[in-house]
Full PDB file with SEQRES, HELIX, SHEET, SSBOND, CRYST1, ORIGX, SCALE, CONECT and MASTER records, all heavy atoms in Angstrom:
SEQRES   1 A   42  GLN HIS SER ASP PRO GLU GLU ILE MET THR ARG PHE ASN          
SEQRES   2 A   42  PRO GLN TRP ARG GLU GLU TYR LYS SER ASP PHE LYS ALA          
SEQRES   3 A   42  VAL ILE ALA ASN ASP GLY SER TYR SER ILE VAL PRO VAL          
SEQRES   4 A   42  TYR SER PRO                                                  
HELIX    1 AA1 PRO A    5  PHE A   12  1                                   8    
HELIX    2 AA2 TRP A   16  GLU A   19  1                                   4    
SHEET    1 AA1 2 PHE A  24  ILE A  28  0                                        
SHEET    2 AA1 2 TYR A  34  PRO A  38 -1                                        
CRYST1    1.000    1.000    1.000  90.00  90.00  90.00 P 1           1          
ORIGX1      1.000000  0.000000  0.000000        0.00000                         
ORIGX2      0.000000  1.000000  0.000000        0.00000                         
ORIGX3      0.000000  0.000000  1.000000        0.00000                         
SCALE1      1.000000  0.000000  0.000000        0.00000                         
SCALE2      0.000000  1.000000  0.000000        0.00000                         
SCALE3      0.000000  0.000000  1.000000        0.00000                         
ATOM      1  N   GLN A   1       0.822  -1.209   0.000  1.00  0.00           N  
ATOM      2  CA  GLN A   1       0.000   0.000   0.000  1.00  0.00           C  
ATOM      3  C   GLN A   1       0.858   1.261   0.000  1.00  0.00           C  
ATOM      4  O   GLN A   1       0.419   2.323   0.435  1.00  0.00           O  
ATOM      5  CB  GLN A   1      -0.958   0.011   1.191  1.00  0.00           C  
ATOM      6  CG  GLN A   1      -1.951  -1.149   1.186  1.00  0.00           C  
ATOM      7  CD  GLN A   1      -2.924  -1.111   2.352  1.00  0.00           C  
ATOM      8  OE1 GLN A   1      -2.630  -0.568   3.422  1.00  0.00           O  
ATOM      9  NE2 GLN A   1      -4.090  -1.677   2.152  1.00  0.00           N  
ATOM     10  N   HIS A   2       2.085   1.151  -0.524  1.00  0.00           N  
ATOM     11  CA  HIS A   2       2.958   2.317  -0.640  1.00  0.00           C  
ATOM     12  C   HIS A   2       2.673   3.114  -1.909  1.00  0.00           C  
ATOM     13  O   HIS A   2       3.160   4.235  -2.051  1.00  0.00           O  
ATOM     14  CB  HIS A   2       4.429   1.881  -0.634  1.00  0.00           C  
ATOM     15  CG  HIS A   2       4.904   1.435   0.714  1.00  0.00           C  
ATOM     16  ND1 HIS A   2       6.145   0.886   0.935  1.00  0.00           N  
ATOM     17  CD2 HIS A   2       4.290   1.452   1.930  1.00  0.00           C  
ATOM     18  CE1 HIS A   2       6.279   0.587   2.217  1.00  0.00           C  
ATOM     19  NE2 HIS A   2       5.172   0.923   2.840  1.00  0.00           N  
ATOM     20  N   SER A   3       1.924   2.520  -2.821  1.00  0.00           N  
ATOM     21  CA  SER A   3       1.607   3.187  -4.083  1.00  0.00           C  
ATOM     22  C   SER A   3       0.099   3.234  -4.288  1.00  0.00           C  
ATOM     23  O   SER A   3      -0.622   2.304  -3.915  1.00  0.00           O  
ATOM     24  CB  SER A   3       2.259   2.456  -5.267  1.00  0.00           C  
ATOM     25  OG  SER A   3       3.655   2.515  -5.205  1.00  0.00           O  
ATOM     26  N   ASP A   4      -0.361   4.310  -4.877  1.00  0.00           N  
ATOM     27  CA  ASP A   4      -1.768   4.435  -5.221  1.00  0.00           C  
ATOM     28  C   ASP A   4      -2.110   3.427  -6.316  1.00  0.00           C  
ATOM     29  O   ASP A   4      -1.300   3.193  -7.229  1.00  0.00           O  
ATOM     30  CB  ASP A   4      -2.026   5.860  -5.722  1.00  0.00           C  
ATOM     31  CG  ASP A   4      -3.473   6.076  -6.097  1.00  0.00           C  
ATOM     32  OD1 ASP A   4      -4.285   6.309  -5.196  1.00  0.00           O  
ATOM     33  OD2 ASP A   4      -3.785   6.008  -7.312  1.00  0.00           O  
ATOM     34  N   PRO A   5      -3.282   2.783  -6.246  1.00  0.00           N  
ATOM     35  CA  PRO A   5      -3.665   1.808  -7.277  1.00  0.00           C  
ATOM     36  C   PRO A   5      -3.588   2.358  -8.699  1.00  0.00           C  
ATOM     37  O   PRO A   5      -3.209   1.637  -9.623  1.00  0.00           O  
ATOM     38  CB  PRO A   5      -5.108   1.444  -6.893  1.00  0.00           C  
ATOM     39  CG  PRO A   5      -5.146   1.616  -5.413  1.00  0.00           C  
ATOM     40  CD  PRO A   5      -4.274   2.816  -5.153  1.00  0.00           C  
ATOM     41  N   GLU A   6      -3.940   3.624  -8.879  1.00  0.00           N  
ATOM     42  CA  GLU A   6      -3.860   4.209 -10.217  1.00  0.00           C  
ATOM     43  C   GLU A   6      -2.410   4.317 -10.684  1.00  0.00           C  
ATOM     44  O   GLU A   6      -2.121   4.142 -11.873  1.00  0.00           O  
ATOM     45  CB  GLU A   6      -4.548   5.577 -10.245  1.00  0.00           C  
ATOM     46  CG  GLU A   6      -6.055   5.497 -10.099  1.00  0.00           C  
ATOM     47  CD  GLU A   6      -6.742   6.802 -10.472  1.00  0.00           C  
ATOM     48  OE1 GLU A   6      -6.036   7.771 -10.832  1.00  0.00           O  
ATOM     49  OE2 GLU A   6      -7.990   6.845 -10.412  1.00  0.00           O  
ATOM     50  N   GLU A   7      -1.504   4.597  -9.761  1.00  0.00           N  
ATOM     51  CA  GLU A   7      -0.087   4.648 -10.105  1.00  0.00           C  
ATOM     52  C   GLU A   7       0.404   3.269 -10.533  1.00  0.00           C  
ATOM     53  O   GLU A   7       1.177   3.127 -11.491  1.00  0.00           O  
ATOM     54  CB  GLU A   7       0.733   5.139  -8.916  1.00  0.00           C  
ATOM     55  CG  GLU A   7       2.243   5.180  -9.185  1.00  0.00           C  
ATOM     56  CD  GLU A   7       3.056   5.448  -7.935  1.00  0.00           C  
ATOM     57  OE1 GLU A   7       2.486   5.961  -6.947  1.00  0.00           O  
ATOM     58  OE2 GLU A   7       4.268   5.120  -7.952  1.00  0.00           O  
ATOM     59  N   ILE A   8      -0.056   2.237  -9.826  1.00  0.00           N  
ATOM     60  CA  ILE A   8       0.322   0.865 -10.176  1.00  0.00           C  
ATOM     61  C   ILE A   8      -0.206   0.503 -11.559  1.00  0.00           C  
ATOM     62  O   ILE A   8       0.504  -0.096 -12.380  1.00  0.00           O  
ATOM     63  CB  ILE A   8      -0.209  -0.119  -9.116  1.00  0.00           C  
ATOM     64  CG1 ILE A   8       0.548   0.092  -7.800  1.00  0.00           C  
ATOM     65  CG2 ILE A   8      -0.077  -1.569  -9.588  1.00  0.00           C  
ATOM     66  CD1 ILE A   8       0.018  -0.700  -6.635  1.00  0.00           C  
ATOM     67  N   MET A   9      -1.443   0.881 -11.846  1.00  0.00           N  
ATOM     68  CA  MET A   9      -2.019   0.607 -13.159  1.00  0.00           C  
ATOM     69  C   MET A   9      -1.236   1.331 -14.250  1.00  0.00           C  
ATOM     70  O   MET A   9      -1.017   0.781 -15.341  1.00  0.00           O  
ATOM     71  CB  MET A   9      -3.485   1.033 -13.191  1.00  0.00           C  
ATOM     72  CG  MET A   9      -4.443   0.027 -12.554  1.00  0.00           C  
ATOM     73  SD  MET A   9      -4.493  -1.548 -13.434  1.00  0.00           S  
ATOM     74  CE  MET A   9      -5.037  -1.019 -15.054  1.00  0.00           C  
ATOM     75  N   THR A  10      -0.800   2.549 -13.984  1.00  0.00           N  
ATOM     76  CA  THR A  10      -0.041   3.317 -14.974  1.00  0.00           C  
ATOM     77  C   THR A  10       1.323   2.676 -15.227  1.00  0.00           C  
ATOM     78  O   THR A  10       1.803   2.637 -16.356  1.00  0.00           O  
ATOM     79  CB  THR A  10       0.136   4.769 -14.514  1.00  0.00           C  
ATOM     80  OG1 THR A  10      -1.168   5.368 -14.350  1.00  0.00           O  
ATOM     81  CG2 THR A  10       0.929   5.584 -15.518  1.00  0.00           C  
ATOM     82  N   ARG A  11       1.946   2.155 -14.176  1.00  0.00           N  
ATOM     83  CA  ARG A  11       3.216   1.445 -14.359  1.00  0.00           C  
ATOM     84  C   ARG A  11       3.003   0.177 -15.178  1.00  0.00           C  
ATOM     85  O   ARG A  11       3.874  -0.215 -15.960  1.00  0.00           O  
ATOM     86  CB  ARG A  11       3.818   1.083 -12.993  1.00  0.00           C  
ATOM     87  CG  ARG A  11       4.430   2.254 -12.232  1.00  0.00           C  
ATOM     88  CD  ARG A  11       4.827   1.810 -10.832  1.00  0.00           C  
ATOM     89  NE  ARG A  11       5.432   2.905 -10.088  1.00  0.00           N  
ATOM     90  CZ  ARG A  11       6.722   2.991  -9.773  1.00  0.00           C  
ATOM     91  NH1 ARG A  11       7.552   2.038 -10.169  1.00  0.00           N  
ATOM     92  NH2 ARG A  11       7.190   4.004  -9.071  1.00  0.00           N  
ATOM     93  N   PHE A  12       1.846  -0.457 -14.985  1.00  0.00           N  
ATOM     94  CA  PHE A  12       1.553  -1.699 -15.693  1.00  0.00           C  
ATOM     95  C   PHE A  12       1.164  -1.447 -17.147  1.00  0.00           C  
ATOM     96  O   PHE A  12       1.617  -2.129 -18.060  1.00  0.00           O  
ATOM     97  CB  PHE A  12       0.419  -2.432 -14.974  1.00  0.00           C  
ATOM     98  CG  PHE A  12       0.006  -3.728 -15.624  1.00  0.00           C  
ATOM     99  CD1 PHE A  12       0.897  -4.786 -15.730  1.00  0.00           C  
ATOM    100  CD2 PHE A  12      -1.284  -3.888 -16.120  1.00  0.00           C  
ATOM    101  CE1 PHE A  12       0.517  -5.982 -16.331  1.00  0.00           C  
ATOM    102  CE2 PHE A  12      -1.671  -5.072 -16.716  1.00  0.00           C  
ATOM    103  CZ  PHE A  12      -0.764  -6.130 -16.826  1.00  0.00           C  
ATOM    104  N   ASN A  13       0.325  -0.427 -17.336  1.00  0.00           N  
ATOM    105  CA  ASN A  13      -0.156  -0.094 -18.678  1.00  0.00           C  
ATOM    106  C   ASN A  13      -0.455   1.401 -18.738  1.00  0.00           C  
ATOM    107  O   ASN A  13      -1.522   1.834 -18.310  1.00  0.00           O  
ATOM    108  CB  ASN A  13      -1.406  -0.912 -19.015  1.00  0.00           C  
ATOM    109  CG  ASN A  13      -1.977  -0.575 -20.384  1.00  0.00           C  
ATOM    110  OD1 ASN A  13      -1.387   0.194 -21.152  1.00  0.00           O  
ATOM    111  ND2 ASN A  13      -3.137  -1.133 -20.705  1.00  0.00           N  
ATOM    112  N   PRO A  14       0.463   2.195 -19.284  1.00  0.00           N  
ATOM    113  CA  PRO A  14       0.272   3.653 -19.319  1.00  0.00           C  
ATOM    114  C   PRO A  14      -0.995   4.086 -20.055  1.00  0.00           C  
ATOM    115  O   PRO A  14      -1.497   5.186 -19.809  1.00  0.00           O  
ATOM    116  CB  PRO A  14       1.524   4.150 -20.065  1.00  0.00           C  
ATOM    117  CG  PRO A  14       2.551   3.094 -19.832  1.00  0.00           C  
ATOM    118  CD  PRO A  14       1.782   1.800 -19.810  1.00  0.00           C  
ATOM    119  N   GLN A  15      -1.536   3.248 -20.922  1.00  0.00           N  
ATOM    120  CA  GLN A  15      -2.740   3.613 -21.687  1.00  0.00           C  
ATOM    121  C   GLN A  15      -4.025   3.041 -21.082  1.00  0.00           C  
ATOM    122  O   GLN A  15      -5.072   3.014 -21.742  1.00  0.00           O  
ATOM    123  CB  GLN A  15      -2.615   3.117 -23.133  1.00  0.00           C  
ATOM    124  CG  GLN A  15      -1.690   3.952 -24.009  1.00  0.00           C  
ATOM    125  CD  GLN A  15      -0.234   3.654 -23.754  1.00  0.00           C  
ATOM    126  OE1 GLN A  15       0.137   2.493 -23.668  1.00  0.00           O  
ATOM    127  NE2 GLN A  15       0.590   4.682 -23.642  1.00  0.00           N  
ATOM    128  N   TRP A  16      -3.979   2.594 -19.822  1.00  0.00           N  
ATOM    129  CA  TRP A  16      -5.129   1.888 -19.275  1.00  0.00           C  
ATOM    130  C   TRP A  16      -6.395   2.752 -19.232  1.00  0.00           C  
ATOM    131  O   TRP A  16      -7.503   2.233 -19.441  1.00  0.00           O  
ATOM    132  CB  TRP A  16      -4.812   1.358 -17.875  1.00  0.00           C  
ATOM    133  CG  TRP A  16      -4.636   2.393 -16.801  1.00  0.00           C  
ATOM    134  CD1 TRP A  16      -3.495   3.046 -16.448  1.00  0.00           C  
ATOM    135  CD2 TRP A  16      -5.646   2.895 -15.912  1.00  0.00           C  
ATOM    136  NE1 TRP A  16      -3.704   3.917 -15.414  1.00  0.00           N  
ATOM    137  CE2 TRP A  16      -5.016   3.846 -15.058  1.00  0.00           C  
ATOM    138  CE3 TRP A  16      -7.004   2.632 -15.741  1.00  0.00           C  
ATOM    139  CZ2 TRP A  16      -5.715   4.527 -14.067  1.00  0.00           C  
ATOM    140  CZ3 TRP A  16      -7.697   3.314 -14.746  1.00  0.00           C  
ATOM    141  CH2 TRP A  16      -7.057   4.247 -13.931  1.00  0.00           C  
ATOM    142  N   ARG A  17      -6.252   4.040 -18.991  1.00  0.00           N  
ATOM    143  CA  ARG A  17      -7.446   4.892 -18.923  1.00  0.00           C  
ATOM    144  C   ARG A  17      -8.179   4.929 -20.265  1.00  0.00           C  
ATOM    145  O   ARG A  17      -9.416   4.898 -20.312  1.00  0.00           O  
ATOM    146  CB  ARG A  17      -7.075   6.312 -18.485  1.00  0.00           C  
ATOM    147  CG  ARG A  17      -6.688   6.427 -17.023  1.00  0.00           C  
ATOM    148  CD  ARG A  17      -6.387   7.869 -16.649  1.00  0.00           C  
ATOM    149  NE  ARG A  17      -6.080   8.009 -15.243  1.00  0.00           N  
ATOM    150  CZ  ARG A  17      -4.880   7.797 -14.710  1.00  0.00           C  
ATOM    151  NH1 ARG A  17      -3.881   7.422 -15.499  1.00  0.00           N  
ATOM    152  NH2 ARG A  17      -4.673   7.943 -13.412  1.00  0.00           N  
ATOM    153  N   GLU A  18      -7.428   5.005 -21.343  1.00  0.00           N  
ATOM    154  CA  GLU A  18      -8.048   5.036 -22.667  1.00  0.00           C  
ATOM    155  C   GLU A  18      -8.598   3.673 -23.058  1.00  0.00           C  
ATOM    156  O   GLU A  18      -9.683   3.572 -23.625  1.00  0.00           O  
ATOM    157  CB  GLU A  18      -7.026   5.515 -23.714  1.00  0.00           C  
ATOM    158  CG  GLU A  18      -6.662   6.983 -23.603  1.00  0.00           C  
ATOM    159  CD  GLU A  18      -7.870   7.896 -23.738  1.00  0.00           C  
ATOM    160  OE1 GLU A  18      -8.705   7.636 -24.625  1.00  0.00           O  
ATOM    161  OE2 GLU A  18      -7.990   8.852 -22.955  1.00  0.00           O  
ATOM    162  N   GLU A  19      -7.857   2.625 -22.753  1.00  0.00           N  
ATOM    163  CA  GLU A  19      -8.271   1.279 -23.156  1.00  0.00           C  
ATOM    164  C   GLU A  19      -9.546   0.827 -22.452  1.00  0.00           C  
ATOM    165  O   GLU A  19     -10.345   0.097 -23.022  1.00  0.00           O  
ATOM    166  CB  GLU A  19      -7.147   0.280 -22.882  1.00  0.00           C  
ATOM    167  CG  GLU A  19      -5.962   0.443 -23.816  1.00  0.00           C  
ATOM    168  CD  GLU A  19      -4.931  -0.645 -23.616  1.00  0.00           C  
ATOM    169  OE1 GLU A  19      -5.245  -1.658 -22.958  1.00  0.00           O  
ATOM    170  OE2 GLU A  19      -3.804  -0.487 -24.127  1.00  0.00           O  
ATOM    171  N   TYR A  20      -9.710   1.262 -21.205  1.00  0.00           N  
ATOM    172  CA  TYR A  20     -10.870   0.814 -20.436  1.00  0.00           C  
ATOM    173  C   TYR A  20     -11.909   1.914 -20.235  1.00  0.00           C  
ATOM    174  O   TYR A  20     -12.775   1.817 -19.382  1.00  0.00           O  
ATOM    175  CB  TYR A  20     -10.421   0.269 -19.080  1.00  0.00           C  
ATOM    176  CG  TYR A  20      -9.529  -0.931 -19.216  1.00  0.00           C  
ATOM    177  CD1 TYR A  20      -8.153  -0.840 -18.978  1.00  0.00           C  
ATOM    178  CD2 TYR A  20     -10.035  -2.161 -19.618  1.00  0.00           C  
ATOM    179  CE1 TYR A  20      -7.324  -1.941 -19.124  1.00  0.00           C  
ATOM    180  CE2 TYR A  20      -9.218  -3.265 -19.768  1.00  0.00           C  
ATOM    181  CZ  TYR A  20      -7.865  -3.157 -19.518  1.00  0.00           C  
ATOM    182  OH  TYR A  20      -7.048  -4.246 -19.676  1.00  0.00           O  
ATOM    183  N   LYS A  21     -11.792   2.960 -21.018  1.00  0.00           N  
ATOM    184  CA  LYS A  21     -12.767   4.048 -20.926  1.00  0.00           C  
ATOM    185  C   LYS A  21     -14.124   3.580 -21.425  1.00  0.00           C  
ATOM    186  O   LYS A  21     -14.225   2.941 -22.475  1.00  0.00           O  
ATOM    187  CB  LYS A  21     -12.306   5.235 -21.758  1.00  0.00           C  
ATOM    188  CG  LYS A  21     -13.199   6.451 -21.640  1.00  0.00           C  
ATOM    189  CD  LYS A  21     -12.460   7.648 -22.249  1.00  0.00           C  
ATOM    190  CE  LYS A  21     -13.188   8.152 -23.424  1.00  0.00           C  
ATOM    191  NZ  LYS A  21     -12.563   9.303 -24.059  1.00  0.00           N  
ATOM    192  N   SER A  22     -15.169   3.888 -20.704  1.00  0.00           N  
ATOM    193  CA  SER A  22     -16.519   3.474 -21.090  1.00  0.00           C  
ATOM    194  C   SER A  22     -17.313   4.665 -21.627  1.00  0.00           C  
ATOM    195  O   SER A  22     -17.126   5.800 -21.182  1.00  0.00           O  
ATOM    196  CB  SER A  22     -17.249   2.872 -19.885  1.00  0.00           C  
ATOM    197  OG  SER A  22     -18.593   2.575 -20.217  1.00  0.00           O  
ATOM    198  N   ASP A  23     -18.161   4.391 -22.597  1.00  0.00           N  
ATOM    199  CA  ASP A  23     -19.031   5.435 -23.142  1.00  0.00           C  
ATOM    200  C   ASP A  23     -20.336   5.548 -22.367  1.00  0.00           C  
ATOM    201  O   ASP A  23     -21.225   6.319 -22.726  1.00  0.00           O  
ATOM    202  CB  ASP A  23     -19.346   5.137 -24.615  1.00  0.00           C  
ATOM    203  CG  ASP A  23     -18.101   5.246 -25.492  1.00  0.00           C  
ATOM    204  OD1 ASP A  23     -17.228   6.082 -25.161  1.00  0.00           O  
ATOM    205  OD2 ASP A  23     -17.998   4.504 -26.474  1.00  0.00           O  
ATOM    206  N   PHE A  24     -20.450   4.760 -21.299  1.00  0.00           N  
ATOM    207  CA  PHE A  24     -21.688   4.757 -20.505  1.00  0.00           C  
ATOM    208  C   PHE A  24     -21.364   4.949 -19.031  1.00  0.00           C  
ATOM    209  O   PHE A  24     -20.240   4.743 -18.588  1.00  0.00           O  
ATOM    210  CB  PHE A  24     -22.439   3.441 -20.709  1.00  0.00           C  
ATOM    211  CG  PHE A  24     -22.893   3.214 -22.129  1.00  0.00           C  
ATOM    212  CD1 PHE A  24     -22.072   2.552 -23.023  1.00  0.00           C  
ATOM    213  CD2 PHE A  24     -24.126   3.676 -22.565  1.00  0.00           C  
ATOM    214  CE1 PHE A  24     -22.460   2.356 -24.341  1.00  0.00           C  
ATOM    215  CE2 PHE A  24     -24.525   3.480 -23.874  1.00  0.00           C  
ATOM    216  CZ  PHE A  24     -23.692   2.816 -24.769  1.00  0.00           C  
ATOM    217  N   LYS A  25     -22.369   5.365 -18.291  1.00  0.00           N  
ATOM    218  CA  LYS A  25     -22.222   5.546 -16.846  1.00  0.00           C  
ATOM    219  C   LYS A  25     -23.505   5.124 -16.151  1.00  0.00           C  
ATOM    220  O   LYS A  25     -24.594   5.090 -16.760  1.00  0.00           O  
ATOM    221  CB  LYS A  25     -21.920   7.015 -16.524  1.00  0.00           C  
ATOM    222  CG  LYS A  25     -23.045   7.975 -16.912  1.00  0.00           C  
ATOM    223  CD  LYS A  25     -22.673   9.421 -16.590  1.00  0.00           C  
ATOM    224  CE  LYS A  25     -23.796  10.380 -17.037  1.00  0.00           C  
ATOM    225  NZ  LYS A  25     -23.461  11.780 -16.732  1.00  0.00           N  
ATOM    226  N   ALA A  26     -23.398   4.790 -14.885  1.00  0.00           N  
ATOM    227  CA  ALA A  26     -24.564   4.409 -14.088  1.00  0.00           C  
ATOM    228  C   ALA A  26     -25.065   5.629 -13.332  1.00  0.00           C  
ATOM    229  O   ALA A  26     -24.277   6.375 -12.739  1.00  0.00           O  
ATOM    230  CB  ALA A  26     -24.204   3.302 -13.112  1.00  0.00           C  
ATOM    231  N   VAL A  27     -26.374   5.849 -13.378  1.00  0.00           N  
ATOM    232  CA  VAL A  27     -26.983   6.964 -12.648  1.00  0.00           C  
ATOM    233  C   VAL A  27     -28.152   6.436 -11.830  1.00  0.00           C  
ATOM    234  O   VAL A  27     -28.686   5.358 -12.109  1.00  0.00           O  
ATOM    235  CB  VAL A  27     -27.473   8.076 -13.610  1.00  0.00           C  
ATOM    236  CG1 VAL A  27     -26.315   8.659 -14.397  1.00  0.00           C  
ATOM    237  CG2 VAL A  27     -28.541   7.543 -14.550  1.00  0.00           C  
ATOM    238  N   ILE A  28     -28.524   7.198 -10.815  1.00  0.00           N  
ATOM    239  CA  ILE A  28     -29.667   6.821  -9.979  1.00  0.00           C  
ATOM    240  C   ILE A  28     -30.876   7.626 -10.421  1.00  0.00           C  
ATOM    241  O   ILE A  28     -30.851   8.857 -10.420  1.00  0.00           O  
ATOM    242  CB  ILE A  28     -29.375   7.070  -8.494  1.00  0.00           C  
ATOM    243  CG1 ILE A  28     -28.128   6.289  -8.062  1.00  0.00           C  
ATOM    244  CG2 ILE A  28     -30.571   6.685  -7.640  1.00  0.00           C  
ATOM    245  CD1 ILE A  28     -27.731   6.525  -6.618  1.00  0.00           C  
ATOM    246  N   ALA A  29     -31.928   6.920 -10.810  1.00  0.00           N  
ATOM    247  CA  ALA A  29     -33.154   7.583 -11.258  1.00  0.00           C  
ATOM    248  C   ALA A  29     -33.932   8.113 -10.057  1.00  0.00           C  
ATOM    249  O   ALA A  29     -33.588   7.854  -8.893  1.00  0.00           O  
ATOM    250  CB  ALA A  29     -34.006   6.599 -12.056  1.00  0.00           C  
ATOM    251  N   ASN A  30     -34.994   8.867 -10.326  1.00  0.00           N  
ATOM    252  CA  ASN A  30     -35.797   9.462  -9.253  1.00  0.00           C  
ATOM    253  C   ASN A  30     -36.421   8.422  -8.344  1.00  0.00           C  
ATOM    254  O   ASN A  30     -36.676   8.676  -7.160  1.00  0.00           O  
ATOM    255  CB  ASN A  30     -36.895  10.355  -9.854  1.00  0.00           C  
ATOM    256  CG  ASN A  30     -36.308  11.596 -10.509  1.00  0.00           C  
ATOM    257  OD1 ASN A  30     -35.259  12.072 -10.098  1.00  0.00           O  
ATOM    258  ND2 ASN A  30     -36.987  12.111 -11.536  1.00  0.00           N  
ATOM    259  N   ASP A  31     -36.729   7.229  -8.907  1.00  0.00           N  
ATOM    260  CA  ASP A  31     -37.355   6.190  -8.097  1.00  0.00           C  
ATOM    261  C   ASP A  31     -36.333   5.368  -7.311  1.00  0.00           C  
ATOM    262  O   ASP A  31     -36.671   4.396  -6.648  1.00  0.00           O  
ATOM    263  CB  ASP A  31     -38.199   5.259  -8.980  1.00  0.00           C  
ATOM    264  CG  ASP A  31     -37.363   4.559 -10.046  1.00  0.00           C  
ATOM    265  OD1 ASP A  31     -36.142   4.773 -10.072  1.00  0.00           O  
ATOM    266  OD2 ASP A  31     -37.943   3.798 -10.832  1.00  0.00           O  
ATOM    267  N   GLY A  32     -35.044   5.754  -7.403  1.00  0.00           N  
ATOM    268  CA  GLY A  32     -34.010   5.050  -6.649  1.00  0.00           C  
ATOM    269  C   GLY A  32     -33.358   3.909  -7.396  1.00  0.00           C  
ATOM    270  O   GLY A  32     -32.392   3.327  -6.901  1.00  0.00           O  
ATOM    271  N   SER A  33     -33.833   3.598  -8.594  1.00  0.00           N  
ATOM    272  CA  SER A  33     -33.249   2.501  -9.362  1.00  0.00           C  
ATOM    273  C   SER A  33     -32.069   3.011 -10.186  1.00  0.00           C  
ATOM    274  O   SER A  33     -31.927   4.211 -10.432  1.00  0.00           O  
ATOM    275  CB  SER A  33     -34.301   1.885 -10.293  1.00  0.00           C  
ATOM    276  OG  SER A  33     -34.752   2.844 -11.233  1.00  0.00           O  
ATOM    277  N   TYR A  34     -31.218   2.086 -10.615  1.00  0.00           N  
ATOM    278  CA  TYR A  34     -30.049   2.443 -11.414  1.00  0.00           C  
ATOM    279  C   TYR A  34     -30.381   2.365 -12.897  1.00  0.00           C  
ATOM    280  O   TYR A  34     -31.130   1.500 -13.341  1.00  0.00           O  
ATOM    281  CB  TYR A  34     -28.884   1.503 -11.109  1.00  0.00           C  
ATOM    282  CG  TYR A  34     -28.189   1.804  -9.795  1.00  0.00           C  
ATOM    283  CD1 TYR A  34     -28.597   1.177  -8.622  1.00  0.00           C  
ATOM    284  CD2 TYR A  34     -27.143   2.721  -9.724  1.00  0.00           C  
ATOM    285  CE1 TYR A  34     -27.973   1.450  -7.405  1.00  0.00           C  
ATOM    286  CE2 TYR A  34     -26.513   2.995  -8.519  1.00  0.00           C  
ATOM    287  CZ  TYR A  34     -26.929   2.359  -7.377  1.00  0.00           C  
ATOM    288  OH  TYR A  34     -26.314   2.632  -6.180  1.00  0.00           O  
ATOM    289  N   SER A  35     -29.810   3.273 -13.656  1.00  0.00           N  
ATOM    290  CA  SER A  35     -29.962   3.269 -15.109  1.00  0.00           C  
ATOM    291  C   SER A  35     -28.590   3.441 -15.741  1.00  0.00           C  
ATOM    292  O   SER A  35     -27.694   4.052 -15.160  1.00  0.00           O  
ATOM    293  CB  SER A  35     -30.872   4.409 -15.565  1.00  0.00           C  
ATOM    294  OG  SER A  35     -32.176   4.254 -15.030  1.00  0.00           O  
ATOM    295  N   ILE A  36     -28.407   2.884 -16.938  1.00  0.00           N  
ATOM    296  CA  ILE A  36     -27.178   3.041 -17.702  1.00  0.00           C  
ATOM    297  C   ILE A  36     -27.451   4.036 -18.823  1.00  0.00           C  
ATOM    298  O   ILE A  36     -28.354   3.838 -19.634  1.00  0.00           O  
ATOM    299  CB  ILE A  36     -26.708   1.700 -18.296  1.00  0.00           C  
ATOM    300  CG1 ILE A  36     -26.496   0.682 -17.181  1.00  0.00           C  
ATOM    301  CG2 ILE A  36     -25.433   1.903 -19.090  1.00  0.00           C  
ATOM    302  CD1 ILE A  36     -25.411   1.046 -16.203  1.00  0.00           C  
ATOM    303  N   VAL A  37     -26.679   5.123 -18.848  1.00  0.00           N  
ATOM    304  CA  VAL A  37     -26.876   6.156 -19.859  1.00  0.00           C  
ATOM    305  C   VAL A  37     -25.530   6.508 -20.476  1.00  0.00           C  
ATOM    306  O   VAL A  37     -24.473   6.270 -19.878  1.00  0.00           O  
ATOM    307  CB  VAL A  37     -27.514   7.429 -19.250  1.00  0.00           C  
ATOM    308  CG1 VAL A  37     -28.864   7.117 -18.627  1.00  0.00           C  
ATOM    309  CG2 VAL A  37     -26.585   8.043 -18.210  1.00  0.00           C  
ATOM    310  N   PRO A  38     -25.522   7.071 -21.684  1.00  0.00           N  
ATOM    311  CA  PRO A  38     -24.264   7.517 -22.292  1.00  0.00           C  
ATOM    312  C   PRO A  38     -23.596   8.585 -21.436  1.00  0.00           C  
ATOM    313  O   PRO A  38     -24.274   9.395 -20.799  1.00  0.00           O  
ATOM    314  CB  PRO A  38     -24.707   8.083 -23.649  1.00  0.00           C  
ATOM    315  CG  PRO A  38     -26.010   7.423 -23.922  1.00  0.00           C  
ATOM    316  CD  PRO A  38     -26.658   7.234 -22.588  1.00  0.00           C  
ATOM    317  N   VAL A  39     -22.281   8.584 -21.399  1.00  0.00           N  
ATOM    318  CA  VAL A  39     -21.544   9.554 -20.623  1.00  0.00           C  
ATOM    319  C   VAL A  39     -21.872  10.976 -21.043  1.00  0.00           C  
ATOM    320  O   VAL A  39     -21.973  11.887 -20.234  1.00  0.00           O  
ATOM    321  CB  VAL A  39     -20.026   9.305 -20.759  1.00  0.00           C  
ATOM    322  CG1 VAL A  39     -19.225  10.441 -20.121  1.00  0.00           C  
ATOM    323  CG2 VAL A  39     -19.659   7.983 -20.098  1.00  0.00           C  
ATOM    324  N   TYR A  40     -22.088  11.173 -22.349  1.00  0.00           N  
ATOM    325  CA  TYR A  40     -22.345  12.518 -22.866  1.00  0.00           C  
ATOM    326  C   TYR A  40     -23.797  12.927 -22.747  1.00  0.00           C  
ATOM    327  O   TYR A  40     -24.196  13.991 -23.162  1.00  0.00           O  
ATOM    328  CB  TYR A  40     -21.929  12.598 -24.342  1.00  0.00           C  
ATOM    329  CG  TYR A  40     -22.579  11.552 -25.211  1.00  0.00           C  
ATOM    330  CD1 TYR A  40     -23.895  11.699 -25.670  1.00  0.00           C  
ATOM    331  CD2 TYR A  40     -21.893  10.397 -25.570  1.00  0.00           C  
ATOM    332  CE1 TYR A  40     -24.494  10.736 -26.467  1.00  0.00           C  
ATOM    333  CE2 TYR A  40     -22.492   9.418 -26.361  1.00  0.00           C  
ATOM    334  CZ  TYR A  40     -23.782   9.592 -26.818  1.00  0.00           C  
ATOM    335  OH  TYR A  40     -24.362   8.632 -27.587  1.00  0.00           O  
ATOM    336  N   SER A  41     -24.658  12.061 -22.163  1.00  0.00           N  
ATOM    337  CA  SER A  41     -26.082  12.348 -22.078  1.00  0.00           C  
ATOM    338  C   SER A  41     -26.358  13.564 -21.214  1.00  0.00           C  
ATOM    339  O   SER A  41     -25.907  13.628 -20.062  1.00  0.00           O  
ATOM    340  CB  SER A  41     -26.839  11.143 -21.503  1.00  0.00           C  
ATOM    341  OG  SER A  41     -28.197  11.486 -21.327  1.00  0.00           O  
ATOM    342  N   PRO A  42     -27.095  14.560 -21.727  1.00  0.00           N  
ATOM    343  CA  PRO A  42     -27.395  15.771 -20.941  1.00  0.00           C  
ATOM    344  C   PRO A  42     -28.626  15.599 -20.056  1.00  0.00           C  
ATOM    345  O   PRO A  42     -28.978  16.495 -19.305  1.00  0.00           O  
ATOM    346  CB  PRO A  42     -27.638  16.820 -22.032  1.00  0.00           C  
ATOM    347  CG  PRO A  42     -28.253  16.029 -23.141  1.00  0.00           C  
ATOM    348  CD  PRO A  42     -27.577  14.672 -23.100  1.00  0.00           C  
TER     349      PRO A  42                                                      
MASTER        0    0    0    2    2    0    0    6  348    1    0    4          
END                                                                             
């Protein structure tokens, strides 16, 4: 635990953020349920 997990991932694969970037995100709807929407969704 001497290194931040993100630092370890960067040492392992400097492009990990781009390779595992998702175009979707989870949000909580008004009724409390989860929904999957595009990241760019307004």
